[in-house]
């Protein structure tokens, strides 16, 4: 999808497996490694539980 859309920012969401408690997250390591190798200029913002994020779209 990233190859097609060519975004400046990627925000991974809904990457847990739905059933475990929200306090147990999945390992995003392979995703970060893929992005670092294939799309080093794309910013990755990982939302934290109950924390607001602000994105400058300019």
PDB file of N, CA and C in Angstrom:
ATOM      1  N   UNK A   1       0.822  -1.175   0.000  1.00  0.00           N
ATOM      2  CA  UNK A   1       0.000   0.000   0.000  1.00  0.00           C
ATOM      3  C   UNK A   1       0.879   1.257   0.000  1.00  0.00           C
ATOM      4  N   UNK A   2       1.955   1.230   0.792  1.00  0.00           N
ATOM      5  CA  UNK A   2       2.857   2.381   0.863  1.00  0.00           C
ATOM      6  C   UNK A   2       3.479   2.653  -0.502  1.00  0.00           C
ATOM      7  N   UNK A   3       3.807   1.593  -1.228  1.00  0.00           N
ATOM      8  CA  UNK A   3       4.394   1.766  -2.561  1.00  0.00           C
ATOM      9  C   UNK A   3       3.436   2.472  -3.514  1.00  0.00           C
ATOM     10  N   UNK A   4       2.167   2.216  -3.371  1.00  0.00           N
ATOM     11  CA  UNK A   4       1.168   2.811  -4.261  1.00  0.00           C
ATOM     12  C   UNK A   4       0.834   4.240  -3.858  1.00  0.00           C
ATOM     13  N   UNK A   5       0.601   4.459  -2.564  1.00  0.00           N
ATOM     14  CA  UNK A   5       0.149   5.772  -2.091  1.00  0.00           C
ATOM     15  C   UNK A   5       1.273   6.789  -1.910  1.00  0.00           C
ATOM     16  N   UNK A   6       2.486   6.310  -1.625  1.00  0.00           N
ATOM     17  CA  UNK A   6       3.652   7.167  -1.422  1.00  0.00           C
ATOM     18  C   UNK A   6       3.392   8.284  -0.398  1.00  0.00           C
ATOM     19  N   UNK A   7       2.990   7.920   0.820  1.00  0.00           N
ATOM     20  CA  UNK A   7       2.695   8.935   1.832  1.00  0.00           C
ATOM     21  C   UNK A   7       3.969   9.540   2.417  1.00  0.00           C
ATOM     22  N   UNK A   8       3.845  10.695   3.046  1.00  0.00           N
ATOM     23  CA  UNK A   8       4.958  11.317   3.764  1.00  0.00           C
ATOM     24  C   UNK A   8       5.003  10.802   5.200  1.00  0.00           C
ATOM     25  N   UNK A   9       3.845  10.392   5.704  1.00  0.00           N
ATOM     26  CA  UNK A   9       3.714   9.910   7.081  1.00  0.00           C
ATOM     27  C   UNK A   9       2.898   8.617   7.073  1.00  0.00           C
ATOM     28  N   UNK A  10       3.302   7.667   7.920  1.00  0.00           N
ATOM     29  CA  UNK A  10       2.535   6.436   8.112  1.00  0.00           C
ATOM     30  C   UNK A  10       2.216   6.326   9.603  1.00  0.00           C
ATOM     31  N   UNK A  11       0.949   6.040   9.909  1.00  0.00           N
ATOM     32  CA  UNK A  11       0.509   5.850  11.289  1.00  0.00           C
ATOM     33  C   UNK A  11      -0.104   4.451  11.386  1.00  0.00           C
ATOM     34  N   UNK A  12       0.646   3.485  11.937  1.00  0.00           N
ATOM     35  CA  UNK A  12       0.084   2.142  12.051  1.00  0.00           C
ATOM     36  C   UNK A  12      -1.029   2.113  13.100  1.00  0.00           C
ATOM     37  N   UNK A  13      -2.181   1.609  12.703  1.00  0.00           N
ATOM     38  CA  UNK A  13      -3.315   1.467  13.619  1.00  0.00           C
ATOM     39  C   UNK A  13      -3.933   0.086  13.417  1.00  0.00           C
ATOM     40  N   UNK A  14      -4.630  -0.386  14.407  1.00  0.00           N
ATOM     41  CA  UNK A  14      -5.290  -1.697  14.347  1.00  0.00           C
ATOM     42  C   UNK A  14      -4.296  -2.807  14.031  1.00  0.00           C
ATOM     43  N   UNK A  15      -3.152  -2.783  14.699  1.00  0.00           N
ATOM     44  CA  UNK A  15      -2.136  -3.794  14.435  1.00  0.00           C
ATOM     45  C   UNK A  15      -2.027  -4.821  15.551  1.00  0.00           C
ATOM     46  N   UNK A  16      -2.977  -4.796  16.503  1.00  0.00           N
ATOM     47  CA  UNK A  16      -2.993  -5.858  17.500  1.00  0.00           C
ATOM     48  C   UNK A  16      -3.784  -7.035  16.925  1.00  0.00           C
ATOM     49  N   UNK A  17      -3.931  -8.088  17.702  1.00  0.00           N
ATOM     50  CA  UNK A  17      -4.679  -9.223  17.153  1.00  0.00           C
ATOM     51  C   UNK A  17      -6.096  -9.296  17.723  1.00  0.00           C
ATOM     52  N   UNK A  18      -6.604  -8.193  18.253  1.00  0.00           N
ATOM     53  CA  UNK A  18      -7.987  -7.970  18.646  1.00  0.00           C
ATOM     54  C   UNK A  18      -8.393  -8.588  19.980  1.00  0.00           C
ATOM     55  N   UNK A  19      -7.972  -9.782  20.296  1.00  0.00           N
ATOM     56  CA  UNK A  19      -8.499 -10.444  21.479  1.00  0.00           C
ATOM     57  C   UNK A  19      -7.709 -10.246  22.776  1.00  0.00           C
ATOM     58  N   UNK A  20      -6.369 -10.163  22.764  1.00  0.00           N
ATOM     59  CA  UNK A  20      -5.677  -9.989  24.045  1.00  0.00           C
ATOM     60  C   UNK A  20      -5.972  -8.617  24.648  1.00  0.00           C
ATOM     61  N   UNK A  21      -5.630  -8.439  25.922  1.00  0.00           N
ATOM     62  CA  UNK A  21      -5.835  -7.120  26.529  1.00  0.00           C
ATOM     63  C   UNK A  21      -5.075  -6.041  25.767  1.00  0.00           C
ATOM     64  N   UNK A  22      -5.602  -4.830  25.781  1.00  0.00           N
ATOM     65  CA  UNK A  22      -4.980  -3.724  25.050  1.00  0.00           C
ATOM     66  C   UNK A  22      -3.575  -3.424  25.566  1.00  0.00           C
ATOM     67  N   UNK A  23      -3.270  -3.843  26.782  1.00  0.00           N
ATOM     68  CA  UNK A  23      -1.946  -3.609  27.350  1.00  0.00           C
ATOM     69  C   UNK A  23      -0.877  -4.494  26.709  1.00  0.00           C
ATOM     70  N   UNK A  24      -1.289  -5.534  25.992  1.00  0.00           N
ATOM     71  CA  UNK A  24      -0.335  -6.414  25.312  1.00  0.00           C
ATOM     72  C   UNK A  24      -0.336  -6.075  23.832  1.00  0.00           C
ATOM     73  N   UNK A  25       0.758  -5.536  23.366  1.00  0.00           N
ATOM     74  CA  UNK A  25       0.826  -5.109  21.965  1.00  0.00           C
ATOM     75  C   UNK A  25       1.614  -6.110  21.126  1.00  0.00           C
ATOM     76  N   UNK A  26       1.481  -5.984  19.848  1.00  0.00           N
ATOM     77  CA  UNK A  26       2.227  -6.814  18.912  1.00  0.00           C
ATOM     78  C   UNK A  26       3.579  -6.165  18.620  1.00  0.00           C
ATOM     79  N   UNK A  27       4.515  -6.961  18.133  1.00  0.00           N
ATOM     80  CA  UNK A  27       5.858  -6.486  17.812  1.00  0.00           C
ATOM     81  C   UNK A  27       5.846  -5.791  16.454  1.00  0.00           C
ATOM     82  N   UNK A  28       6.138  -4.499  16.451  1.00  0.00           N
ATOM     83  CA  UNK A  28       6.202  -3.744  15.197  1.00  0.00           C
ATOM     84  C   UNK A  28       7.607  -3.744  14.596  1.00  0.00           C
ATOM     85  N   UNK A  29       8.529  -4.471  15.215  1.00  0.00           N
ATOM     86  CA  UNK A  29       9.911  -4.507  14.736  1.00  0.00           C
ATOM     87  C   UNK A  29      10.045  -4.830  13.252  1.00  0.00           C
ATOM     88  N   UNK A  30       9.403  -5.895  12.762  1.00  0.00           N
ATOM     89  CA  UNK A  30       9.513  -6.207  11.335  1.00  0.00           C
ATOM     90  C   UNK A  30       8.977  -5.079  10.444  1.00  0.00           C
ATOM     91  N   UNK A  31       7.918  -4.425  10.877  1.00  0.00           N
ATOM     92  CA  UNK A  31       7.369  -3.297  10.116  1.00  0.00           C
ATOM     93  C   UNK A  31       8.381  -2.159  10.047  1.00  0.00           C
ATOM     94  N   UNK A  32       8.986  -1.816  11.199  1.00  0.00           N
ATOM     95  CA  UNK A  32       9.980  -0.740  11.221  1.00  0.00           C
ATOM     96  C   UNK A  32      11.179  -1.084  10.346  1.00  0.00           C
ATOM     97  N   UNK A  33      11.622  -2.328  10.399  1.00  0.00           N
ATOM     98  CA  UNK A  33      12.770  -2.750   9.586  1.00  0.00           C
ATOM     99  C   UNK A  33      12.435  -2.638   8.093  1.00  0.00           C
ATOM    100  N   UNK A  34      11.257  -3.105   7.705  1.00  0.00           N
ATOM    101  CA  UNK A  34      10.822  -3.006   6.310  1.00  0.00           C
ATOM    102  C   UNK A  34      10.804  -1.545   5.863  1.00  0.00           C
ATOM    103  N   UNK A  35      10.213  -0.681   6.684  1.00  0.00           N
ATOM    104  CA  UNK A  35      10.107   0.733   6.329  1.00  0.00           C
ATOM    105  C   UNK A  35      11.483   1.384   6.248  1.00  0.00           C
ATOM    106  N   UNK A  36      12.368   1.042   7.173  1.00  0.00           N
ATOM    107  CA  UNK A  36      13.717   1.609   7.172  1.00  0.00           C
ATOM    108  C   UNK A  36      14.473   1.242   5.894  1.00  0.00           C
ATOM    109  N   UNK A  37      14.322   0.013   5.456  1.00  0.00           N
ATOM    110  CA  UNK A  37      15.019  -0.460   4.254  1.00  0.00           C
ATOM    111  C   UNK A  37      14.367   0.069   2.977  1.00  0.00           C
ATOM    112  N   UNK A  38      13.052  -0.005   2.892  1.00  0.00           N
ATOM    113  CA  UNK A  38      12.345   0.291   1.646  1.00  0.00           C
ATOM    114  C   UNK A  38      11.807   1.710   1.519  1.00  0.00           C
ATOM    115  N   UNK A  39      11.595   2.378   2.643  1.00  0.00           N
ATOM    116  CA  UNK A  39      11.006   3.722   2.620  1.00  0.00           C
ATOM    117  C   UNK A  39      11.629   4.592   3.711  1.00  0.00           C
ATOM    118  N   UNK A  40      12.937   4.817   3.649  1.00  0.00           N
ATOM    119  CA  UNK A  40      13.613   5.525   4.738  1.00  0.00           C
ATOM    120  C   UNK A  40      13.174   6.976   4.928  1.00  0.00           C
ATOM    121  N   UNK A  41      12.547   7.578   3.943  1.00  0.00           N
ATOM    122  CA  UNK A  41      12.154   8.987   4.048  1.00  0.00           C
ATOM    123  C   UNK A  41      10.727   9.192   4.550  1.00  0.00           C
ATOM    124  N   UNK A  42      10.029   8.116   4.848  1.00  0.00           N
ATOM    125  CA  UNK A  42       8.660   8.230   5.345  1.00  0.00           C
ATOM    126  C   UNK A  42       8.685   8.255   6.870  1.00  0.00           C
ATOM    127  N   UNK A  43       8.050   9.258   7.455  1.00  0.00           N
ATOM    128  CA  UNK A  43       7.961   9.371   8.909  1.00  0.00           C
ATOM    129  C   UNK A  43       6.921   8.382   9.429  1.00  0.00           C
ATOM    130  N   UNK A  44       7.248   7.718  10.530  1.00  0.00           N
ATOM    131  CA  UNK A  44       6.321   6.783  11.163  1.00  0.00           C
ATOM    132  C   UNK A  44       5.942   7.345  12.527  1.00  0.00           C
ATOM    133  N   UNK A  45       4.644   7.464  12.762  1.00  0.00           N
ATOM    134  CA  UNK A  45       4.140   7.931  14.051  1.00  0.00           C
ATOM    135  C   UNK A  45       3.315   6.800  14.648  1.00  0.00           C
ATOM    136  N   UNK A  46       3.740   6.316  15.811  1.00  0.00           N
ATOM    137  CA  UNK A  46       3.018   5.238  16.481  1.00  0.00           C
ATOM    138  C   UNK A  46       2.201   5.846  17.620  1.00  0.00           C
ATOM    139  N   UNK A  47       0.876   5.828  17.506  1.00  0.00           N
ATOM    140  CA  UNK A  47       0.038   6.387  18.568  1.00  0.00           C
ATOM    141  C   UNK A  47       0.192   5.593  19.868  1.00  0.00           C
ATOM    142  N   UNK A  48       0.118   6.307  20.974  1.00  0.00           N
ATOM    143  CA  UNK A  48       0.146   5.664  22.283  1.00  0.00           C
ATOM    144  C   UNK A  48      -1.261   5.705  22.869  1.00  0.00           C
ATOM    145  N   UNK A  49      -1.580   4.728  23.675  1.00  0.00           N
ATOM    146  CA  UNK A  49      -2.910   4.643  24.282  1.00  0.00           C
ATOM    147  C   UNK A  49      -3.193   5.906  25.086  1.00  0.00           C
ATOM    148  N   UNK A  50      -4.346   6.501  24.835  1.00  0.00           N
ATOM    149  CA  UNK A  50      -4.828   7.691  25.547  1.00  0.00           C
ATOM    150  C   UNK A  50      -3.974   8.937  25.345  1.00  0.00           C
ATOM    151  N   UNK A  51      -3.118   8.973  24.344  1.00  0.00           N
ATOM    152  CA  UNK A  51      -2.322  10.166  24.061  1.00  0.00           C
ATOM    153  C   UNK A  51      -2.714  10.751  22.716  1.00  0.00           C
ATOM    154  N   UNK A  52      -2.861  12.052  22.702  1.00  0.00           N
ATOM    155  CA  UNK A  52      -3.208  12.772  21.481  1.00  0.00           C
ATOM    156  C   UNK A  52      -1.960  12.945  20.623  1.00  0.00           C
ATOM    157  N   UNK A  53      -2.136  12.879  19.311  1.00  0.00           N
ATOM    158  CA  UNK A  53      -1.027  13.196  18.412  1.00  0.00           C
ATOM    159  C   UNK A  53      -1.443  14.369  17.539  1.00  0.00           C
ATOM    160  N   UNK A  54      -0.485  15.210  17.231  1.00  0.00           N
ATOM    161  CA  UNK A  54      -0.732  16.341  16.341  1.00  0.00           C
ATOM    162  C   UNK A  54       0.210  16.200  15.158  1.00  0.00           C
ATOM    163  N   UNK A  55      -0.331  16.420  13.979  1.00  0.00           N
ATOM    164  CA  UNK A  55       0.442  16.258  12.756  1.00  0.00           C
ATOM    165  C   UNK A  55       0.396  17.559  11.976  1.00  0.00           C
ATOM    166  N   UNK A  56       1.564  18.073  11.636  1.00  0.00           N
ATOM    167  CA  UNK A  56       1.645  19.271  10.808  1.00  0.00           C
ATOM    168  C   UNK A  56       1.573  18.830   9.351  1.00  0.00           C
ATOM    169  N   UNK A  57       0.501  19.164   8.689  1.00  0.00           N
ATOM    170  CA  UNK A  57       0.288  18.718   7.306  1.00  0.00           C
ATOM    171  C   UNK A  57       0.820  19.697   6.271  1.00  0.00           C
ATOM    172  N   UNK A  58       1.564  20.654   6.691  1.00  0.00           N
ATOM    173  CA  UNK A  58       2.119  21.634   5.738  1.00  0.00           C
ATOM    174  C   UNK A  58       3.345  21.120   5.060  1.00  0.00           C
TER     175      UNK A  58
END
